[in-house]
Protein backbone atom coordinates (compact mmCIF):
# COMPACT_ATOMS: atom_id res chain seq x y z
CA MET A 1 -60.46 19.91 49.45
CA LYS A 2 -62.77 16.90 49.80
CA LYS A 3 -63.59 17.10 46.10
CA ALA A 4 -59.88 17.06 45.19
CA ILE A 5 -59.24 13.96 47.32
CA LEU A 6 -62.32 12.22 45.93
CA PHE A 7 -61.26 13.09 42.37
CA GLY A 8 -57.74 11.73 43.06
CA LEU A 9 -59.09 8.43 44.40
CA LEU A 10 -61.45 8.11 41.46
CA LEU A 11 -58.57 8.76 39.02
CA VAL A 12 -56.35 6.14 40.71
CA SER A 13 -59.10 3.52 40.53
CA PHE A 14 -59.52 4.08 36.77
CA VAL A 15 -55.78 3.85 36.15
CA GLY A 16 -55.50 0.63 38.17
CA TYR A 17 -58.16 -1.17 36.11
CA SER A 18 -57.21 0.09 32.67
CA GLN A 19 -53.68 -1.22 32.42
CA LYS A 20 -52.60 -3.22 29.42
CA GLU A 21 -50.16 -6.10 29.42
CA VAL A 22 -46.87 -5.07 27.83
CA LYS A 23 -44.79 -7.71 26.10
CA LYS A 24 -41.26 -7.29 24.77
CA ASP A 25 -40.52 -8.84 21.38
CA ILE A 26 -36.86 -9.80 21.90
CA ASN A 27 -36.16 -10.67 18.26
CA ASN A 28 -37.28 -7.29 16.91
CA SER A 29 -36.60 -5.21 20.05
CA GLN A 30 -40.07 -3.72 19.88
CA THR A 31 -42.63 -3.27 22.61
CA VAL A 32 -45.94 -4.96 21.84
CA LEU A 33 -49.14 -3.94 23.63
CA ASP A 34 -51.77 -6.59 24.20
CA ALA A 35 -55.17 -4.95 23.76
CA LYS A 36 -56.93 -7.27 26.22
CA LEU A 37 -57.82 -5.61 29.49
CA PHE A 38 -57.37 -7.73 32.61
CA GLU A 39 -59.67 -7.83 35.57
CA PRO A 40 -58.07 -8.32 39.03
CA ASP A 41 -59.41 -11.88 39.24
CA ASP A 42 -58.04 -12.96 35.83
CA VAL A 43 -55.53 -15.79 36.01
CA ILE A 44 -53.05 -16.36 33.24
CA GLU A 45 -52.15 -20.02 32.96
CA GLU A 46 -48.97 -21.02 31.22
CA LYS A 47 -49.28 -24.23 29.26
CA GLU A 48 -46.72 -26.81 30.32
CA PRO A 49 -44.99 -28.33 27.27
CA GLU A 50 -45.97 -31.91 26.48
CA GLU A 51 -43.37 -34.43 27.65
CA ASN A 52 -43.55 -36.36 24.35
CA ASP A 53 -43.84 -33.31 22.07
CA PRO A 54 -41.30 -33.88 19.23
CA ASN A 55 -40.95 -30.11 18.75
CA ARG A 56 -40.02 -29.43 22.38
CA ILE A 57 -36.61 -27.82 22.77
CA PHE A 58 -34.62 -28.87 25.83
CA VAL A 59 -31.98 -26.79 27.56
CA VAL A 60 -30.77 -29.54 29.91
CA VAL A 61 -30.82 -33.22 28.95
CA GLU A 62 -29.62 -36.52 30.40
CA THR A 63 -26.99 -36.92 27.66
CA ALA A 64 -25.72 -33.70 26.12
CA PRO A 65 -25.29 -33.37 22.36
CA GLU A 66 -21.73 -33.83 21.15
CA TYR A 67 -19.82 -32.70 18.08
CA PRO A 68 -17.97 -35.54 16.31
CA GLY A 69 -14.57 -35.67 18.03
CA GLY A 70 -15.73 -33.64 21.05
CA ILE A 71 -15.84 -29.98 21.97
CA ASN A 72 -12.16 -29.44 21.18
CA ALA A 73 -12.75 -30.67 17.62
CA PHE A 74 -15.67 -28.22 17.37
CA ARG A 75 -13.49 -25.34 18.57
CA GLU A 76 -10.87 -26.36 16.00
CA PHE A 77 -13.53 -26.44 13.27
CA ILE A 78 -14.66 -22.92 14.22
CA SER A 79 -11.12 -21.50 14.35
CA GLN A 80 -10.16 -23.05 10.98
CA ASN A 81 -13.29 -21.90 9.14
CA TYR A 82 -14.00 -18.50 10.74
CA LYS A 83 -12.56 -15.70 8.61
CA ASN A 84 -12.13 -12.37 10.36
CA PRO A 85 -13.97 -9.62 8.51
CA LYS A 86 -11.79 -6.82 7.13
CA THR A 87 -12.30 -3.66 9.14
CA THR A 88 -10.59 -0.34 9.72
CA ARG A 89 -11.29 -0.59 13.45
CA ASP A 90 -10.14 -2.97 16.17
CA VAL A 91 -12.87 -5.42 17.17
CA LYS A 92 -12.52 -7.26 20.47
CA GLY A 93 -15.09 -9.07 22.58
CA THR A 94 -17.27 -12.14 22.81
CA LEU A 95 -19.74 -12.97 20.08
CA ILE A 96 -22.61 -15.18 21.27
CA ILE A 97 -24.48 -17.49 18.91
CA GLY A 98 -27.50 -19.62 19.80
CA PHE A 99 -28.73 -22.63 17.84
CA VAL A 100 -30.77 -25.79 18.16
CA ILE A 101 -29.23 -29.22 17.70
CA GLU A 102 -32.01 -31.27 16.13
CA ALA A 103 -32.82 -34.90 16.94
CA ASP A 104 -31.07 -35.90 13.69
CA GLY A 105 -27.91 -33.95 14.69
CA SER A 106 -28.31 -31.07 12.25
CA LEU A 107 -28.20 -27.43 13.38
CA SER A 108 -31.20 -25.14 13.02
CA ASP A 109 -32.51 -21.81 14.27
CA ILE A 110 -29.02 -20.26 14.25
CA GLN A 111 -29.25 -16.79 15.80
CA VAL A 112 -26.77 -14.11 16.75
CA ILE A 113 -27.49 -13.28 20.39
CA ARG A 114 -24.67 -10.76 20.84
CA ASP A 115 -23.02 -9.32 17.75
CA LEU A 116 -19.84 -7.26 17.75
CA GLY A 117 -20.70 -5.72 14.39
CA PHE A 118 -18.56 -5.43 11.25
CA GLY A 119 -19.91 -8.77 9.94
CA THR A 120 -18.69 -10.91 12.85
CA GLY A 121 -22.12 -12.43 13.54
CA LYS A 122 -22.85 -13.09 9.88
CA GLU A 123 -19.54 -14.93 9.54
CA ALA A 124 -20.24 -17.09 12.60
CA VAL A 125 -23.64 -18.08 11.18
CA ARG A 126 -21.96 -18.99 7.86
CA VAL A 127 -19.46 -21.23 9.64
CA LEU A 128 -22.11 -22.99 11.75
CA LYS A 129 -24.15 -23.76 8.63
CA LYS A 130 -21.13 -25.73 7.36
CA SER A 131 -20.89 -27.78 10.58
CA LYS A 132 -21.05 -31.56 10.53
CA LYS A 133 -24.02 -33.27 12.14
CA TRP A 134 -23.74 -33.64 15.90
CA LYS A 135 -24.54 -36.66 18.02
CA PRO A 136 -27.95 -35.52 19.33
CA GLY A 137 -28.91 -35.00 22.97
CA VAL A 138 -30.85 -37.80 24.66
CA GLN A 139 -33.73 -37.49 27.13
CA ASN A 140 -35.65 -40.53 28.42
CA GLY A 141 -33.89 -42.81 25.94
CA ARG A 142 -34.76 -40.86 22.80
CA ALA A 143 -32.99 -38.22 20.71
CA VAL A 144 -34.38 -34.72 21.34
CA ARG A 145 -33.90 -31.13 20.20
CA VAL A 146 -31.46 -29.18 22.41
CA LYS A 147 -30.78 -25.43 22.62
CA TYR A 148 -27.07 -24.62 22.60
CA THR A 149 -25.28 -21.31 23.17
CA LEU A 150 -21.80 -20.77 21.79
CA PRO A 151 -19.51 -17.92 22.88
CA ILE A 152 -16.78 -17.01 20.37
CA LYS A 153 -13.95 -14.73 21.47
CA ILE A 154 -13.02 -12.23 18.77
CA ASP A 155 -9.84 -10.14 18.63
CA ILE A 156 -9.39 -8.42 15.28
CA GLU A 157 -6.70 -5.81 14.76
CA ALA A 158 -7.54 -3.16 12.20
CA LYS A 159 -5.66 -3.28 8.91
CA LYS A 160 -3.24 -0.36 8.86
CA LYS A 161 -2.77 1.40 5.52
């Protein structure tokens, strides 16, 4: 009985010190194992982004970026240029697109965060690539890169034959 308890404690101590850090790659939906083993006293320091780094992407800024004519003009641009894909099924929901508004007002890093399928995400990316330049976001008196998330409500009725 004592040997079984001792063996159990020994096994638990090995398991506790041999764990690997698991990271989730969101873009590819794959689990990535980091081969480095961590000791209990290891400290992982996260590097704080430089305040003056021109590549820093802000989420909140003093002056938000603005589409020429305002958000209503942007919604109008999307609704006029978005062409519903042809499908034999009804498609209803909210498509979510993320992109970065650069310091020069152009859009980059356009990504489909939530796709409804049937080509809805691809079409939204196509439309955003045609967008006019925005008035960039401002932080500490200078134009900066800003992350923007756009929800697009989709309601497509299937084509009946």
